[in-house]
Amino acid sequence: MNAEQILTEIREANLSYLMLAQSLIRTDREQALFRLGISEETATLIATLTPAQIMKISSGNTLLCRFRMDDDLVWGLLTSHGKPAANDAVSRLHASILLAGRHQEAA
């Protein structure tokens, strides 16, 4: 993949992310805040973007979304620490609880 292809992929990801975020916010704002890990102010801003603004913002060369899980504990829970799949549901629940706590801290 060359540099131009990577930039095209970034722009497409940005457009998809903004469209999804706007749809989630308009459908269920509280769930959107949690799932996207954004503040009320950011949600209000995204919800009011026009299609032209979304196209302009998404056309940049910087990826707008990011991984919210930046520590080994959450990644370990999501990958089940190499344990059998029987603990998968519990591990995912634990990871969700940790992420929910982070959402509350950011609010």
PDB file of N, CA and C in Angstrom:
ATOM      1  N   MET A   1       0.855  -1.171   0.000  1.00  0.00           N
ATOM      2  CA  MET A   1       0.000   0.000   0.000  1.00  0.00           C
ATOM      3  C   MET A   1       0.903   1.236   0.000  1.00  0.00           C
ATOM      4  N   ASN A   2       0.656   2.140  -0.918  1.00  0.00           N
ATOM      5  CA  ASN A   2       1.481   3.345  -0.977  1.00  0.00           C
ATOM      6  C   ASN A   2       0.859   4.473  -0.149  1.00  0.00           C
ATOM      7  N   ALA A   3       1.554   5.600  -0.060  1.00  0.00           N
ATOM      8  CA  ALA A   3       1.133   6.712   0.790  1.00  0.00           C
ATOM      9  C   ALA A   3      -0.228   7.267   0.366  1.00  0.00           C
ATOM     10  N   GLU A   4      -0.472   7.371  -0.918  1.00  0.00           N
ATOM     11  CA  GLU A   4      -1.754   7.914  -1.388  1.00  0.00           C
ATOM     12  C   GLU A   4      -2.907   6.980  -1.023  1.00  0.00           C
ATOM     13  N   GLN A   5      -2.688   5.673  -1.103  1.00  0.00           N
ATOM     14  CA  GLN A   5      -3.722   4.718  -0.721  1.00  0.00           C
ATOM     15  C   GLN A   5      -4.022   4.812   0.771  1.00  0.00           C
ATOM     16  N   ILE A   6      -2.987   5.014   1.562  1.00  0.00           N
ATOM     17  CA  ILE A   6      -3.172   5.150   3.010  1.00  0.00           C
ATOM     18  C   ILE A   6      -3.985   6.402   3.316  1.00  0.00           C
ATOM     19  N   LEU A   7      -3.672   7.508   2.659  1.00  0.00           N
ATOM     20  CA  LEU A   7      -4.431   8.746   2.868  1.00  0.00           C
ATOM     21  C   LEU A   7      -5.891   8.581   2.453  1.00  0.00           C
ATOM     22  N   THR A   8      -6.132   7.875   1.373  1.00  0.00           N
ATOM     23  CA  THR A   8      -7.501   7.609   0.944  1.00  0.00           C
ATOM     24  C   THR A   8      -8.240   6.795   1.994  1.00  0.00           C
ATOM     25  N   GLU A   9      -7.582   5.784   2.545  1.00  0.00           N
ATOM     26  CA  GLU A   9      -8.193   4.960   3.598  1.00  0.00           C
ATOM     27  C   GLU A   9      -8.497   5.789   4.841  1.00  0.00           C
ATOM     28  N   ILE A  10      -7.594   6.694   5.201  1.00  0.00           N
ATOM     29  CA  ILE A  10      -7.815   7.565   6.367  1.00  0.00           C
ATOM     30  C   ILE A  10      -9.026   8.449   6.128  1.00  0.00           C
ATOM     31  N   ARG A  11      -9.135   9.037   4.950  1.00  0.00           N
ATOM     32  CA  ARG A  11     -10.272   9.907   4.634  1.00  0.00           C
ATOM     33  C   ARG A  11     -11.591   9.135   4.667  1.00  0.00           C
ATOM     34  N   GLU A  12     -11.572   7.921   4.149  1.00  0.00           N
ATOM     35  CA  GLU A  12     -12.783   7.093   4.174  1.00  0.00           C
ATOM     36  C   GLU A  12     -13.156   6.705   5.603  1.00  0.00           C
ATOM     37  N   ALA A  13     -12.160   6.387   6.404  1.00  0.00           N
ATOM     38  CA  ALA A  13     -12.418   6.051   7.810  1.00  0.00           C
ATOM     39  C   ALA A  13     -12.986   7.262   8.546  1.00  0.00           C
ATOM     40  N   ASN A  14     -12.435   8.446   8.287  1.00  0.00           N
ATOM     41  CA  ASN A  14     -12.929   9.672   8.914  1.00  0.00           C
ATOM     42  C   ASN A  14     -14.388   9.926   8.549  1.00  0.00           C
ATOM     43  N   LEU A  15     -14.719   9.783   7.268  1.00  0.00           N
ATOM     44  CA  LEU A  15     -16.085  10.009   6.821  1.00  0.00           C
ATOM     45  C   LEU A  15     -17.036   9.004   7.471  1.00  0.00           C
ATOM     46  N   SER A  16     -16.653   7.741   7.481  1.00  0.00           N
ATOM     47  CA  SER A  16     -17.486   6.701   8.104  1.00  0.00           C
ATOM     48  C   SER A  16     -17.667   6.968   9.590  1.00  0.00           C
ATOM     49  N   TYR A  17     -16.584   7.350  10.260  1.00  0.00           N
ATOM     50  CA  TYR A  17     -16.636   7.609  11.699  1.00  0.00           C
ATOM     51  C   TYR A  17     -17.571   8.775  12.007  1.00  0.00           C
ATOM     52  N   LEU A  18     -17.445   9.867  11.275  1.00  0.00           N
ATOM     53  CA  LEU A  18     -18.291  11.030  11.535  1.00  0.00           C
ATOM     54  C   LEU A  18     -19.761  10.735  11.250  1.00  0.00           C
ATOM     55  N   MET A  19     -20.023  10.011  10.186  1.00  0.00           N
ATOM     56  CA  MET A  19     -21.408   9.658   9.868  1.00  0.00           C
ATOM     57  C   MET A  19     -22.002   8.737  10.925  1.00  0.00           C
ATOM     58  N   LEU A  20     -21.217   7.755  11.362  1.00  0.00           N
ATOM     59  CA  LEU A  20     -21.670   6.847  12.420  1.00  0.00           C
ATOM     60  C   LEU A  20     -21.890   7.616  13.716  1.00  0.00           C
ATOM     61  N   ALA A  21     -20.936   8.460  14.089  1.00  0.00           N
ATOM     62  CA  ALA A  21     -21.046   9.228  15.328  1.00  0.00           C
ATOM     63  C   ALA A  21     -22.291  10.100  15.310  1.00  0.00           C
ATOM     64  N   GLN A  22     -22.534  10.779  14.206  1.00  0.00           N
ATOM     65  CA  GLN A  22     -23.697  11.649  14.110  1.00  0.00           C
ATOM     66  C   GLN A  22     -24.998  10.832  14.216  1.00  0.00           C
ATOM     67  N   SER A  23     -25.028   9.699  13.577  1.00  0.00           N
ATOM     68  CA  SER A  23     -26.207   8.833  13.640  1.00  0.00           C
ATOM     69  C   SER A  23     -26.446   8.325  15.063  1.00  0.00           C
ATOM     70  N   LEU A  24     -25.385   7.873  15.732  1.00  0.00           N
ATOM     71  CA  LEU A  24     -25.514   7.393  17.116  1.00  0.00           C
ATOM     72  C   LEU A  24     -26.003   8.499  18.041  1.00  0.00           C
ATOM     73  N   ILE A  25     -25.447   9.686  17.874  1.00  0.00           N
ATOM     74  CA  ILE A  25     -25.812  10.817  18.735  1.00  0.00           C
ATOM     75  C   ILE A  25     -27.279  11.179  18.553  1.00  0.00           C
ATOM     76  N   ARG A  26     -27.721  11.185  17.326  1.00  0.00           N
ATOM     77  CA  ARG A  26     -29.122  11.543  17.049  1.00  0.00           C
ATOM     78  C   ARG A  26     -30.094  10.462  17.486  1.00  0.00           C
ATOM     79  N   THR A  27     -29.661   9.217  17.480  1.00  0.00           N
ATOM     80  CA  THR A  27     -30.529   8.097  17.843  1.00  0.00           C
ATOM     81  C   THR A  27     -30.620   7.914  19.356  1.00  0.00           C
ATOM     82  N   ASP A  28     -29.476   7.861  20.024  1.00  0.00           N
ATOM     83  CA  ASP A  28     -29.437   7.633  21.472  1.00  0.00           C
ATOM     84  C   ASP A  28     -28.208   8.338  22.027  1.00  0.00           C
ATOM     85  N   ARG A  29     -28.401   9.562  22.429  1.00  0.00           N
ATOM     86  CA  ARG A  29     -27.287  10.423  22.835  1.00  0.00           C
ATOM     87  C   ARG A  29     -26.459   9.818  23.980  1.00  0.00           C
ATOM     88  N   GLU A  30     -27.127   9.307  24.992  1.00  0.00           N
ATOM     89  CA  GLU A  30     -26.400   8.765  26.155  1.00  0.00           C
ATOM     90  C   GLU A  30     -25.535   7.572  25.764  1.00  0.00           C
ATOM     91  N   GLN A  31     -26.090   6.674  24.966  1.00  0.00           N
ATOM     92  CA  GLN A  31     -25.306   5.533  24.490  1.00  0.00           C
ATOM     93  C   GLN A  31     -24.155   6.000  23.616  1.00  0.00           C
ATOM     94  N   ALA A  32     -24.397   7.016  22.797  1.00  0.00           N
ATOM     95  CA  ALA A  32     -23.350   7.539  21.922  1.00  0.00           C
ATOM     96  C   ALA A  32     -22.187   8.104  22.740  1.00  0.00           C
ATOM     97  N   LEU A  33     -22.499   8.824  23.803  1.00  0.00           N
ATOM     98  CA  LEU A  33     -21.443   9.383  24.654  1.00  0.00           C
ATOM     99  C   LEU A  33     -20.573   8.269  25.207  1.00  0.00           C
ATOM    100  N   PHE A  34     -21.222   7.199  25.654  1.00  0.00           N
ATOM    101  CA  PHE A  34     -20.473   6.075  26.206  1.00  0.00           C
ATOM    102  C   PHE A  34     -19.695   5.338  25.133  1.00  0.00           C
ATOM    103  N   ARG A  35     -20.359   4.950  24.055  1.00  0.00           N
ATOM    104  CA  ARG A  35     -19.720   4.134  23.017  1.00  0.00           C
ATOM    105  C   ARG A  35     -18.608   4.876  22.280  1.00  0.00           C
ATOM    106  N   LEU A  36     -18.793   6.174  22.074  1.00  0.00           N
ATOM    107  CA  LEU A  36     -17.776   6.951  21.367  1.00  0.00           C
ATOM    108  C   LEU A  36     -16.717   7.522  22.313  1.00  0.00           C
ATOM    109  N   GLY A  37     -17.035   7.579  23.605  1.00  0.00           N
ATOM    110  CA  GLY A  37     -16.094   8.121  24.579  1.00  0.00           C
ATOM    111  C   GLY A  37     -15.884   9.612  24.392  1.00  0.00           C
ATOM    112  N   ILE A  38     -16.982  10.344  24.128  1.00  0.00           N
ATOM    113  CA  ILE A  38     -16.886  11.785  23.884  1.00  0.00           C
ATOM    114  C   ILE A  38     -17.684  12.554  24.925  1.00  0.00           C
ATOM    115  N   SER A  39     -17.424  13.839  25.022  1.00  0.00           N
ATOM    116  CA  SER A  39     -18.118  14.700  25.973  1.00  0.00           C
ATOM    117  C   SER A  39     -19.428  15.206  25.386  1.00  0.00           C
ATOM    118  N   GLU A  40     -20.255  15.780  26.227  1.00  0.00           N
ATOM    119  CA  GLU A  40     -21.511  16.403  25.786  1.00  0.00           C
ATOM    120  C   GLU A  40     -21.246  17.480  24.740  1.00  0.00           C
ATOM    121  N   GLU A  41     -20.225  18.294  24.983  1.00  0.00           N
ATOM    122  CA  GLU A  41     -19.904  19.385  24.073  1.00  0.00           C
ATOM    123  C   GLU A  41     -19.514  18.863  22.691  1.00  0.00           C
ATOM    124  N   THR A  42     -18.700  17.820  22.675  1.00  0.00           N
ATOM    125  CA  THR A  42     -18.287  17.226  21.404  1.00  0.00           C
ATOM    126  C   THR A  42     -19.488  16.619  20.696  1.00  0.00           C
ATOM    127  N   ALA A  43     -20.361  15.958  21.439  1.00  0.00           N
ATOM    128  CA  ALA A  43     -21.556  15.360  20.846  1.00  0.00           C
ATOM    129  C   ALA A  43     -22.443  16.430  20.216  1.00  0.00           C
ATOM    130  N   THR A  44     -22.606  17.540  20.907  1.00  0.00           N
ATOM    131  CA  THR A  44     -23.414  18.636  20.368  1.00  0.00           C
ATOM    132  C   THR A  44     -22.805  19.155  19.068  1.00  0.00           C
ATOM    133  N   LEU A  45     -21.511  19.319  19.060  1.00  0.00           N
ATOM    134  CA  LEU A  45     -20.824  19.803  17.867  1.00  0.00           C
ATOM    135  C   LEU A  45     -20.999  18.836  16.696  1.00  0.00           C
ATOM    136  N   ILE A  46     -20.762  17.558  16.940  1.00  0.00           N
ATOM    137  CA  ILE A  46     -20.885  16.548  15.877  1.00  0.00           C
ATOM    138  C   ILE A  46     -22.323  16.469  15.375  1.00  0.00           C
ATOM    139  N   ALA A  47     -23.292  16.536  16.279  1.00  0.00           N
ATOM    140  CA  ALA A  47     -24.703  16.429  15.894  1.00  0.00           C
ATOM    141  C   ALA A  47     -25.140  17.555  14.974  1.00  0.00           C
ATOM    142  N   THR A  48     -24.518  18.708  15.090  1.00  0.00           N
ATOM    143  CA  THR A  48     -24.935  19.870  14.303  1.00  0.00           C
ATOM    144  C   THR A  48     -24.120  20.077  13.028  1.00  0.00           C
ATOM    145  N   LEU A  49     -23.171  19.181  12.751  1.00  0.00           N
ATOM    146  CA  LEU A  49     -22.387  19.325  11.524  1.00  0.00           C
ATOM    147  C   LEU A  49     -23.263  19.129  10.294  1.00  0.00           C
ATOM    148  N   THR A  50     -23.042  19.965   9.297  1.00  0.00           N
ATOM    149  CA  THR A  50     -23.747  19.803   8.025  1.00  0.00           C
ATOM    150  C   THR A  50     -22.996  18.765   7.185  1.00  0.00           C
ATOM    151  N   PRO A  51     -23.646  18.215   6.158  1.00  0.00           N
ATOM    152  CA  PRO A  51     -22.926  17.284   5.285  1.00  0.00           C
ATOM    153  C   PRO A  51     -21.655  17.900   4.673  1.00  0.00           C
ATOM    154  N   ALA A  52     -21.713  19.164   4.322  1.00  0.00           N
ATOM    155  CA  ALA A  52     -20.532  19.829   3.757  1.00  0.00           C
ATOM    156  C   ALA A  52     -19.407  19.913   4.785  1.00  0.00           C
ATOM    157  N   GLN A  53     -19.755  20.200   6.032  1.00  0.00           N
ATOM    158  CA  GLN A  53     -18.745  20.262   7.092  1.00  0.00           C
ATOM    159  C   GLN A  53     -18.140  18.885   7.341  1.00  0.00           C
ATOM    160  N   ILE A  54     -18.974  17.855   7.320  1.00  0.00           N
ATOM    161  CA  ILE A  54     -18.478  16.489   7.519  1.00  0.00           C
ATOM    162  C   ILE A  54     -17.498  16.133   6.409  1.00  0.00           C
ATOM    163  N   MET A  55     -17.847  16.457   5.181  1.00  0.00           N
ATOM    164  CA  MET A  55     -16.953  16.164   4.052  1.00  0.00           C
ATOM    165  C   MET A  55     -15.629  16.909   4.195  1.00  0.00           C
ATOM    166  N   LYS A  56     -15.681  18.167   4.592  1.00  0.00           N
ATOM    167  CA  LYS A  56     -14.465  18.971   4.740  1.00  0.00           C
ATOM    168  C   LYS A  56     -13.576  18.420   5.859  1.00  0.00           C
ATOM    169  N   ILE A  57     -14.186  18.127   6.997  1.00  0.00           N
ATOM    170  CA  ILE A  57     -13.421  17.621   8.144  1.00  0.00           C
ATOM    171  C   ILE A  57     -12.811  16.257   7.827  1.00  0.00           C
ATOM    172  N   SER A  58     -13.579  15.402   7.192  1.00  0.00           N
ATOM    173  CA  SER A  58     -13.102  14.039   6.922  1.00  0.00           C
ATOM    174  C   SER A  58     -12.022  13.995   5.855  1.00  0.00           C
ATOM    175  N   SER A  59     -11.880  15.043   5.078  1.00  0.00           N
ATOM    176  CA  SER A  59     -10.905  15.028   3.988  1.00  0.00           C
ATOM    177  C   SER A  59      -9.472  15.291   4.436  1.00  0.00           C
ATOM    178  N   GLY A  60      -9.268  15.516   5.714  1.00  0.00           N
ATOM    179  CA  GLY A  60      -7.918  15.737   6.229  1.00  0.00           C
ATOM    180  C   GLY A  60      -7.092  14.467   6.215  1.00  0.00           C
ATOM    181  N   ASN A  61      -5.817  14.617   6.509  1.00  0.00           N
ATOM    182  CA  ASN A  61      -4.925  13.453   6.487  1.00  0.00           C
ATOM    183  C   ASN A  61      -4.626  12.905   7.882  1.00  0.00           C
ATOM    184  N   THR A  62      -5.392  13.344   8.877  1.00  0.00           N
ATOM    185  CA  THR A  62      -5.228  12.869  10.250  1.00  0.00           C
ATOM    186  C   THR A  62      -6.441  12.032  10.638  1.00  0.00           C
ATOM    187  N   LEU A  63      -6.202  10.862  11.168  1.00  0.00           N
ATOM    188  CA  LEU A  63      -7.288   9.979  11.589  1.00  0.00           C
ATOM    189  C   LEU A  63      -8.014  10.600  12.779  1.00  0.00           C
ATOM    190  N   LEU A  64      -9.337  10.737  12.685  1.00  0.00           N
ATOM    191  CA  LEU A  64     -10.121  11.398  13.727  1.00  0.00           C
ATOM    192  C   LEU A  64     -10.436  10.495  14.912  1.00  0.00           C
ATOM    193  N   CYS A  65     -10.635   9.208  14.666  1.00  0.00           N
ATOM    194  CA  CYS A  65     -10.946   8.305  15.767  1.00  0.00           C
ATOM    195  C   CYS A  65      -9.650   7.697  16.302  1.00  0.00           C
ATOM    196  N   ARG A  66      -9.737   7.174  17.521  1.00  0.00           N
ATOM    197  CA  ARG A  66      -8.552   6.561  18.123  1.00  0.00           C
ATOM    198  C   ARG A  66      -8.979   5.431  19.029  1.00  0.00           C
ATOM    199  N   PHE A  67      -8.034   4.568  19.365  1.00  0.00           N
ATOM    200  CA  PHE A  67      -8.320   3.512  20.332  1.00  0.00           C
ATOM    201  C   PHE A  67      -8.464   4.136  21.704  1.00  0.00           C
ATOM    202  N   ARG A  68      -9.524   3.783  22.397  1.00  0.00           N
ATOM    203  CA  ARG A  68      -9.727   4.283  23.756  1.00  0.00           C
ATOM    204  C   ARG A  68      -9.054   3.402  24.784  1.00  0.00           C
ATOM    205  N   MET A  69      -8.683   2.205  24.389  1.00  0.00           N
ATOM    206  CA  MET A  69      -8.089   1.262  25.322  1.00  0.00           C
ATOM    207  C   MET A  69      -6.578   1.325  25.164  1.00  0.00           C
ATOM    208  N   ASP A  70      -5.951   2.064  26.033  1.00  0.00           N
ATOM    209  CA  ASP A  70      -4.515   2.236  25.887  1.00  0.00           C
ATOM    210  C   ASP A  70      -3.706   1.587  27.004  1.00  0.00           C
ATOM    211  N   ASP A  71      -4.306   0.656  27.704  1.00  0.00           N
ATOM    212  CA  ASP A  71      -3.515  -0.016  28.728  1.00  0.00           C
ATOM    213  C   ASP A  71      -3.597  -1.532  28.575  1.00  0.00           C
ATOM    214  N   ASP A  72      -2.625  -2.177  29.119  1.00  0.00           N
ATOM    215  CA  ASP A  72      -2.493  -3.627  28.992  1.00  0.00           C
ATOM    216  C   ASP A  72      -3.633  -4.393  29.659  1.00  0.00           C
ATOM    217  N   LEU A  73      -4.186  -3.858  30.750  1.00  0.00           N
ATOM    218  CA  LEU A  73      -5.250  -4.554  31.457  1.00  0.00           C
ATOM    219  C   LEU A  73      -6.468  -4.739  30.557  1.00  0.00           C
ATOM    220  N   VAL A  74      -6.928  -3.667  29.930  1.00  0.00           N
ATOM    221  CA  VAL A  74      -8.119  -3.763  29.080  1.00  0.00           C
ATOM    222  C   VAL A  74      -7.844  -4.660  27.877  1.00  0.00           C
ATOM    223  N   TRP A  75      -6.694  -4.481  27.235  1.00  0.00           N
ATOM    224  CA  TRP A  75      -6.366  -5.334  26.090  1.00  0.00           C
ATOM    225  C   TRP A  75      -6.255  -6.795  26.514  1.00  0.00           C
ATOM    226  N   GLY A  76      -5.697  -7.024  27.681  1.00  0.00           N
ATOM    227  CA  GLY A  76      -5.598  -8.394  28.184  1.00  0.00           C
ATOM    228  C   GLY A  76      -6.960  -9.017  28.417  1.00  0.00           C
ATOM    229  N   LEU A  77      -7.889  -8.217  28.954  1.00  0.00           N
ATOM    230  CA  LEU A  77      -9.247  -8.722  29.170  1.00  0.00           C
ATOM    231  C   LEU A  77      -9.943  -9.023  27.853  1.00  0.00           C
ATOM    232  N   LEU A  78      -9.764  -8.153  26.876  1.00  0.00           N
ATOM    233  CA  LEU A  78     -10.423  -8.353  25.584  1.00  0.00           C
ATOM    234  C   LEU A  78      -9.852  -9.534  24.819  1.00  0.00           C
ATOM    235  N   THR A  79      -8.586  -9.830  25.041  1.00  0.00           N
ATOM    236  CA  THR A  79      -7.974 -10.968  24.359  1.00  0.00           C
ATOM    237  C   THR A  79      -7.968 -12.209  25.241  1.00  0.00           C
ATOM    238  N   SER A  80      -8.613 -12.141  26.396  1.00  0.00           N
ATOM    239  CA  SER A  80      -8.793 -13.251  27.338  1.00  0.00           C
ATOM    240  C   SER A  80      -7.491 -13.786  27.931  1.00  0.00           C
ATOM    241  N   HIS A  81      -6.441 -13.017  27.919  1.00  0.00           N
ATOM    242  CA  HIS A  81      -5.171 -13.429  28.534  1.00  0.00           C
ATOM    243  C   HIS A  81      -4.727 -14.806  28.059  1.00  0.00           C
ATOM    244  N   GLY A  82      -5.162 -15.224  26.897  1.00  0.00           N
ATOM    245  CA  GLY A  82      -4.811 -16.549  26.388  1.00  0.00           C
ATOM    246  C   GLY A  82      -5.565 -17.674  27.064  1.00  0.00           C
ATOM    247  N   LYS A  83      -6.604 -17.354  27.843  1.00  0.00           N
ATOM    248  CA  LYS A  83      -7.390 -18.368  28.554  1.00  0.00           C
ATOM    249  C   LYS A  83      -8.488 -18.899  27.642  1.00  0.00           C
ATOM    250  N   PRO A  84      -9.107 -19.984  28.011  1.00  0.00           N
ATOM    251  CA  PRO A  84     -10.190 -20.560  27.214  1.00  0.00           C
ATOM    252  C   PRO A  84     -11.343 -19.575  27.016  1.00  0.00           C
ATOM    253  N   ALA A  85     -12.118 -19.785  25.979  1.00  0.00           N
ATOM    254  CA  ALA A  85     -13.226 -18.899  25.637  1.00  0.00           C
ATOM    255  C   ALA A  85     -14.348 -18.906  26.678  1.00  0.00           C
ATOM    256  N   ALA A  86     -14.342 -19.844  27.593  1.00  0.00           N
ATOM    257  CA  ALA A  86     -15.386 -19.921  28.620  1.00  0.00           C
ATOM    258  C   ALA A  86     -15.426 -18.648  29.464  1.00  0.00           C
ATOM    259  N   ASN A  87     -14.273 -18.014  29.653  1.00  0.00           N
ATOM    260  CA  ASN A  87     -14.211 -16.789  30.451  1.00  0.00           C
ATOM    261  C   ASN A  87     -14.386 -15.546  29.600  1.00  0.00           C
ATOM    262  N   ASP A  88     -14.652 -15.714  28.308  1.00  0.00           N
ATOM    263  CA  ASP A  88     -14.719 -14.585  27.383  1.00  0.00           C
ATOM    264  C   ASP A  88     -15.785 -13.566  27.781  1.00  0.00           C
ATOM    265  N   ALA A  89     -16.981 -14.021  28.121  1.00  0.00           N
ATOM    266  CA  ALA A  89     -18.070 -13.110  28.474  1.00  0.00           C
ATOM    267  C   ALA A  89     -17.731 -12.316  29.737  1.00  0.00           C
ATOM    268  N   VAL A  90     -17.167 -12.966  30.717  1.00  0.00           N
ATOM    269  CA  VAL A  90     -16.792 -12.289  31.957  1.00  0.00           C
ATOM    270  C   VAL A  90     -15.683 -11.276  31.698  1.00  0.00           C
ATOM    271  N   SER A  91     -14.712 -11.641  30.893  1.00  0.00           N
ATOM    272  CA  SER A  91     -13.608 -10.729  30.571  1.00  0.00           C
ATOM    273  C   SER A  91     -14.105  -9.499  29.829  1.00  0.00           C
ATOM    274  N   ARG A  92     -14.996  -9.710  28.882  1.00  0.00           N
ATOM    275  CA  ARG A  92     -15.560  -8.578  28.132  1.00  0.00           C
ATOM    276  C   ARG A  92     -16.388  -7.678  29.047  1.00  0.00           C
ATOM    277  N   LEU A  93     -17.131  -8.270  29.952  1.00  0.00           N
ATOM    278  CA  LEU A  93     -17.903  -7.489  30.915  1.00  0.00           C
ATOM    279  C   LEU A  93     -16.978  -6.657  31.784  1.00  0.00           C
ATOM    280  N   HIS A  94     -15.907  -7.254  32.269  1.00  0.00           N
ATOM    281  CA  HIS A  94     -14.940  -6.541  33.091  1.00  0.00           C
ATOM    282  C   HIS A  94     -14.326  -5.383  32.298  1.00  0.00           C
ATOM    283  N   ALA A  95     -13.962  -5.621  31.052  1.00  0.00           N
ATOM    284  CA  ALA A  95     -13.400  -4.560  30.208  1.00  0.00           C
ATOM    285  C   ALA A  95     -14.416  -3.439  30.017  1.00  0.00           C
ATOM    286  N   SER A  96     -15.686  -3.782  29.812  1.00  0.00           N
ATOM    287  CA  SER A  96     -16.729  -2.772  29.645  1.00  0.00           C
ATOM    288  C   SER A  96     -16.894  -1.930  30.899  1.00  0.00           C
ATOM    289  N   ILE A  97     -16.812  -2.575  32.049  1.00  0.00           N
ATOM    290  CA  ILE A  97     -16.922  -1.842  33.317  1.00  0.00           C
ATOM    291  C   ILE A  97     -15.764  -0.858  33.460  1.00  0.00           C
ATOM    292  N   LEU A  98     -14.555  -1.303  33.126  1.00  0.00           N
ATOM    293  CA  LEU A  98     -13.394  -0.404  33.194  1.00  0.00           C
ATOM    294  C   LEU A  98     -13.555   0.776  32.238  1.00  0.00           C
ATOM    295  N   LEU A  99     -14.019   0.512  31.030  1.00  0.00           N
ATOM    296  CA  LEU A  99     -14.214   1.587  30.058  1.00  0.00           C
ATOM    297  C   LEU A  99     -15.336   2.529  30.486  1.00  0.00           C
ATOM    298  N   ALA A 100     -16.375   2.003  31.095  1.00  0.00           N
ATOM    299  CA  ALA A 100     -17.467   2.850  31.574  1.00  0.00           C
ATOM    300  C   ALA A 100     -16.970   3.788  32.660  1.00  0.00           C
ATOM    301  N   GLY A 101     -16.105   3.297  33.520  1.00  0.00           N
ATOM    302  CA  GLY A 101     -15.516   4.146  34.548  1.00  0.00           C
ATOM    303  C   GLY A 101     -14.696   5.265  33.959  1.00  0.00           C
ATOM    304  N   ARG A 102     -14.008   4.991  32.891  1.00  0.00           N
ATOM    305  CA  ARG A 102     -13.208   6.012  32.220  1.00  0.00           C
ATOM    306  C   ARG A 102     -14.103   7.061  31.578  1.00  0.00           C
ATOM    307  N   HIS A 103     -15.252   6.603  31.057  1.00  0.00           N
ATOM    308  CA  HIS A 103     -16.202   7.537  30.462  1.00  0.00           C
ATOM    309  C   HIS A 103     -16.712   8.504  31.530  1.00  0.00           C
ATOM    310  N   GLN A 104     -17.027   7.993  32.708  1.00  0.00           N
ATOM    311  CA  GLN A 104     -17.500   8.824  33.792  1.00  0.00           C
ATOM    312  C   GLN A 104     -16.425   9.823  34.239  1.00  0.00           C
ATOM    313  N   GLU A 105     -15.160   9.377  34.243  1.00  0.00           N
ATOM    314  CA  GLU A 105     -14.074  10.273  34.633  1.00  0.00           C
ATOM    315  C   GLU A 105     -13.922  11.425  33.658  1.00  0.00           C
ATOM    316  N   ALA A 106     -14.142  11.149  32.357  1.00  0.00           N
ATOM    317  CA  ALA A 106     -13.984  12.158  31.322  1.00  0.00           C
ATOM    318  C   ALA A 106     -15.135  13.143  31.300  1.00  0.00           C
ATOM    319  N   ALA A 107     -16.308  12.733  31.798  1.00  0.00           N
ATOM    320  CA  ALA A 107     -17.504  13.594  31.736  1.00  0.00           C
ATOM    321  C   ALA A 107     -17.457  14.726  32.715  1.00  0.00           C
TER     322      ALA A 107
END
